[in-house]
């Protein structure tokens, strides 16, 4: 299988989707835990809070992590004498 470079757009899309999907799974579970254990309130599932917000968060976090990794790779390549 061909390896995807960490500076490519394919990697950015894959990373953002992976973070968004993980967020869609983990975000409601964390909210359920907080409602039942800490605040003792009723858990109410909503599309905006438990689907849209994790997708937006995943896309933003994916872009930030990709940009940081891309910058680190370019610094490493400059240090090694490649361009």
N, C-alpha and C. Protein backbone atom coordinates (compact mmCIF):
# COMPACT_ATOMS: atom_id res chain seq x y z
N UNK A 1 0.84 -1.18 0.00
CA UNK A 1 0.00 0.00 0.00
C UNK A 1 0.88 1.24 0.00
N UNK A 2 0.47 2.22 -0.77
CA UNK A 2 1.24 3.44 -0.89
C UNK A 2 1.07 4.31 0.36
N UNK A 3 2.18 4.84 0.85
CA UNK A 3 2.16 5.68 2.05
C UNK A 3 1.77 7.10 1.67
N UNK A 4 0.88 7.71 2.44
CA UNK A 4 0.45 9.09 2.20
C UNK A 4 1.41 10.02 2.92
N UNK A 5 1.92 11.01 2.19
CA UNK A 5 2.82 11.98 2.80
C UNK A 5 2.06 12.88 3.77
N UNK A 6 2.72 13.25 4.86
CA UNK A 6 2.05 14.04 5.90
C UNK A 6 1.82 15.49 5.48
N UNK A 7 2.41 15.92 4.38
CA UNK A 7 2.20 17.29 3.93
C UNK A 7 1.18 17.39 2.81
N UNK A 8 0.55 16.27 2.43
CA UNK A 8 -0.39 16.27 1.32
C UNK A 8 -1.80 16.64 1.78
N UNK A 9 -2.61 17.04 0.82
CA UNK A 9 -4.00 17.39 1.09
C UNK A 9 -4.80 16.13 1.45
N UNK A 10 -4.44 14.98 0.87
CA UNK A 10 -5.11 13.72 1.23
C UNK A 10 -4.96 13.43 2.71
N UNK A 11 -3.78 13.69 3.24
CA UNK A 11 -3.53 13.47 4.66
C UNK A 11 -4.37 14.42 5.50
N UNK A 12 -4.48 15.67 5.06
CA UNK A 12 -5.30 16.66 5.76
C UNK A 12 -6.75 16.20 5.83
N UNK A 13 -7.29 15.75 4.71
CA UNK A 13 -8.68 15.31 4.66
C UNK A 13 -8.88 14.07 5.54
N UNK A 14 -7.98 13.10 5.42
CA UNK A 14 -8.08 11.88 6.22
C UNK A 14 -8.00 12.18 7.71
N UNK A 15 -7.06 13.03 8.10
CA UNK A 15 -6.88 13.37 9.51
C UNK A 15 -8.10 14.12 10.04
N UNK A 16 -8.63 15.06 9.28
CA UNK A 16 -9.81 15.81 9.72
C UNK A 16 -11.02 14.89 9.87
N UNK A 17 -11.21 13.99 8.91
CA UNK A 17 -12.33 13.05 9.01
C UNK A 17 -12.18 12.11 10.20
N UNK A 18 -10.98 11.63 10.44
CA UNK A 18 -10.75 10.72 11.56
C UNK A 18 -11.04 11.42 12.89
N UNK A 19 -10.59 12.64 13.03
CA UNK A 19 -10.83 13.39 14.27
C UNK A 19 -12.32 13.69 14.42
N UNK A 20 -13.00 14.04 13.32
CA UNK A 20 -14.43 14.33 13.37
C UNK A 20 -15.24 13.09 13.76
N UNK A 21 -14.91 11.94 13.19
CA UNK A 21 -15.62 10.71 13.52
C UNK A 21 -15.39 10.32 14.97
N UNK A 22 -14.15 10.44 15.42
CA UNK A 22 -13.86 10.15 16.83
C UNK A 22 -14.63 11.12 17.73
N UNK A 23 -14.71 12.37 17.33
CA UNK A 23 -15.46 13.36 18.11
C UNK A 23 -16.94 13.06 18.18
N UNK A 24 -17.50 12.57 17.06
CA UNK A 24 -18.92 12.22 17.04
C UNK A 24 -19.21 11.08 18.00
N UNK A 25 -18.25 10.20 18.19
CA UNK A 25 -18.43 9.07 19.10
C UNK A 25 -18.15 9.48 20.55
N UNK A 26 -17.06 10.20 20.78
CA UNK A 26 -16.62 10.50 22.14
C UNK A 26 -17.39 11.66 22.77
N UNK A 27 -17.72 12.69 21.99
CA UNK A 27 -18.37 13.90 22.51
C UNK A 27 -19.67 13.58 23.26
N UNK A 28 -20.62 12.83 22.67
CA UNK A 28 -21.85 12.53 23.41
C UNK A 28 -21.62 11.64 24.64
N UNK A 29 -20.66 10.72 24.53
CA UNK A 29 -20.36 9.88 25.70
C UNK A 29 -19.82 10.70 26.86
N UNK A 30 -18.95 11.64 26.55
CA UNK A 30 -18.41 12.52 27.58
C UNK A 30 -19.52 13.40 28.17
N UNK A 31 -20.39 13.91 27.31
CA UNK A 31 -21.50 14.73 27.77
C UNK A 31 -22.45 13.91 28.65
N UNK A 32 -22.72 12.67 28.26
CA UNK A 32 -23.56 11.78 29.06
C UNK A 32 -22.94 11.54 30.43
N UNK A 33 -21.64 11.30 30.46
CA UNK A 33 -20.94 11.09 31.73
C UNK A 33 -21.03 12.33 32.62
N UNK A 34 -20.80 13.50 32.04
CA UNK A 34 -20.86 14.75 32.81
C UNK A 34 -22.26 14.97 33.36
N UNK A 35 -23.28 14.73 32.52
CA UNK A 35 -24.67 14.94 32.98
C UNK A 35 -25.05 13.97 34.10
N UNK A 36 -24.67 12.72 33.97
CA UNK A 36 -25.10 11.72 34.95
C UNK A 36 -24.27 11.72 36.22
N UNK A 37 -22.98 11.92 36.12
CA UNK A 37 -22.10 11.77 37.28
C UNK A 37 -21.81 13.09 37.97
N UNK A 38 -21.52 14.12 37.23
CA UNK A 38 -21.07 15.37 37.85
C UNK A 38 -22.23 16.32 38.15
N UNK A 39 -23.05 16.63 37.14
CA UNK A 39 -24.10 17.63 37.35
C UNK A 39 -25.45 17.04 37.74
N UNK A 40 -25.63 15.72 37.58
CA UNK A 40 -26.89 15.03 37.90
C UNK A 40 -28.08 15.66 37.19
N UNK A 41 -27.89 15.98 35.91
CA UNK A 41 -28.97 16.52 35.09
C UNK A 41 -29.34 15.51 34.03
N UNK A 42 -30.44 15.78 33.34
CA UNK A 42 -30.91 14.88 32.29
C UNK A 42 -30.08 15.10 31.02
N UNK A 43 -29.69 14.02 30.39
CA UNK A 43 -28.95 14.08 29.13
C UNK A 43 -29.93 14.23 27.98
N UNK A 44 -29.72 15.27 27.18
CA UNK A 44 -30.56 15.52 26.02
C UNK A 44 -29.67 15.54 24.79
N UNK A 45 -29.93 14.62 23.85
CA UNK A 45 -29.14 14.51 22.63
C UNK A 45 -29.68 15.51 21.62
N UNK A 46 -28.78 16.30 21.04
CA UNK A 46 -29.19 17.22 19.99
C UNK A 46 -28.19 17.14 18.82
N UNK A 47 -28.71 17.33 17.63
CA UNK A 47 -27.88 17.24 16.43
C UNK A 47 -26.80 18.31 16.43
N UNK A 48 -27.15 19.50 16.82
CA UNK A 48 -26.19 20.59 16.81
C UNK A 48 -25.05 20.34 17.79
N UNK A 49 -25.38 19.96 19.00
CA UNK A 49 -24.35 19.78 20.03
C UNK A 49 -23.52 18.51 19.85
N UNK A 50 -24.12 17.46 19.33
CA UNK A 50 -23.43 16.17 19.32
C UNK A 50 -23.00 15.68 17.95
N UNK A 51 -23.36 16.39 16.89
CA UNK A 51 -22.90 16.02 15.55
C UNK A 51 -22.17 17.18 14.87
N UNK A 52 -22.81 18.33 14.81
CA UNK A 52 -22.23 19.48 14.10
C UNK A 52 -20.98 20.00 14.81
N UNK A 53 -21.05 20.20 16.11
CA UNK A 53 -19.88 20.71 16.85
C UNK A 53 -18.65 19.81 16.76
N UNK A 54 -18.78 18.47 16.90
CA UNK A 54 -17.60 17.64 16.73
C UNK A 54 -17.03 17.66 15.31
N UNK A 55 -17.89 17.79 14.30
CA UNK A 55 -17.40 17.87 12.92
C UNK A 55 -16.61 19.15 12.72
N UNK A 56 -17.14 20.27 13.19
CA UNK A 56 -16.43 21.55 13.06
C UNK A 56 -15.12 21.51 13.85
N UNK A 57 -15.18 21.00 15.07
CA UNK A 57 -13.98 20.88 15.89
C UNK A 57 -12.95 19.98 15.23
N UNK A 58 -13.38 18.87 14.65
CA UNK A 58 -12.47 17.95 13.98
C UNK A 58 -11.80 18.58 12.77
N UNK A 59 -12.56 19.33 12.00
CA UNK A 59 -11.98 20.00 10.82
C UNK A 59 -10.96 21.06 11.24
N UNK A 60 -11.29 21.86 12.22
CA UNK A 60 -10.37 22.90 12.68
C UNK A 60 -9.12 22.28 13.28
N UNK A 61 -9.27 21.28 14.15
CA UNK A 61 -8.13 20.63 14.77
C UNK A 61 -7.28 19.91 13.72
N UNK A 62 -7.91 19.27 12.74
CA UNK A 62 -7.18 18.61 11.67
C UNK A 62 -6.33 19.58 10.88
N UNK A 63 -6.87 20.75 10.56
CA UNK A 63 -6.12 21.76 9.81
C UNK A 63 -4.96 22.29 10.64
N UNK A 64 -5.21 22.56 11.91
CA UNK A 64 -4.14 23.08 12.78
C UNK A 64 -3.01 22.07 12.92
N UNK A 65 -3.35 20.82 13.20
CA UNK A 65 -2.32 19.78 13.36
C UNK A 65 -1.55 19.56 12.06
N UNK A 66 -2.25 19.60 10.92
CA UNK A 66 -1.61 19.43 9.62
C UNK A 66 -0.64 20.58 9.35
N UNK A 67 -1.06 21.81 9.65
CA UNK A 67 -0.20 22.97 9.42
C UNK A 67 1.05 22.93 10.30
N UNK A 68 0.88 22.53 11.56
CA UNK A 68 2.03 22.44 12.46
C UNK A 68 3.00 21.36 11.97
N UNK A 69 2.47 20.22 11.57
CA UNK A 69 3.32 19.13 11.09
C UNK A 69 4.01 19.50 9.77
N UNK A 70 3.29 20.20 8.92
CA UNK A 70 3.88 20.64 7.64
C UNK A 70 5.02 21.61 7.88
N UNK A 71 4.83 22.54 8.81
CA UNK A 71 5.88 23.51 9.12
C UNK A 71 7.09 22.80 9.74
N UNK A 72 6.86 21.84 10.62
CA UNK A 72 7.97 21.09 11.23
C UNK A 72 8.74 20.30 10.18
N UNK A 73 8.03 19.71 9.22
CA UNK A 73 8.69 18.96 8.15
C UNK A 73 9.51 19.88 7.25
N UNK A 74 9.00 21.08 6.97
CA UNK A 74 9.76 21.99 6.11
C UNK A 74 11.02 22.49 6.82
N UNK A 75 10.93 22.70 8.15
CA UNK A 75 12.12 23.10 8.90
C UNK A 75 13.14 21.97 8.91
N UNK A 76 12.67 20.74 9.05
CA UNK A 76 13.57 19.59 9.06
C UNK A 76 14.26 19.43 7.71
N UNK A 77 13.52 19.65 6.63
CA UNK A 77 14.10 19.54 5.30
C UNK A 77 15.12 20.65 5.04
N UNK A 78 14.85 21.85 5.52
CA UNK A 78 15.81 22.95 5.36
C UNK A 78 17.07 22.68 6.15
N UNK A 79 16.92 22.07 7.32
CA UNK A 79 18.07 21.76 8.15
C UNK A 79 18.93 20.69 7.49
N UNK A 80 18.29 19.76 6.81
CA UNK A 80 19.03 18.69 6.13
C UNK A 80 19.57 19.10 4.77
N UNK A 81 19.26 20.31 4.35
CA UNK A 81 19.79 20.82 3.08
C UNK A 81 18.93 20.54 1.88
N UNK A 82 17.72 20.05 2.06
CA UNK A 82 16.80 19.80 0.96
C UNK A 82 15.80 20.94 0.87
N UNK A 83 15.24 21.10 -0.28
CA UNK A 83 14.21 22.11 -0.44
C UNK A 83 12.98 21.56 -1.06
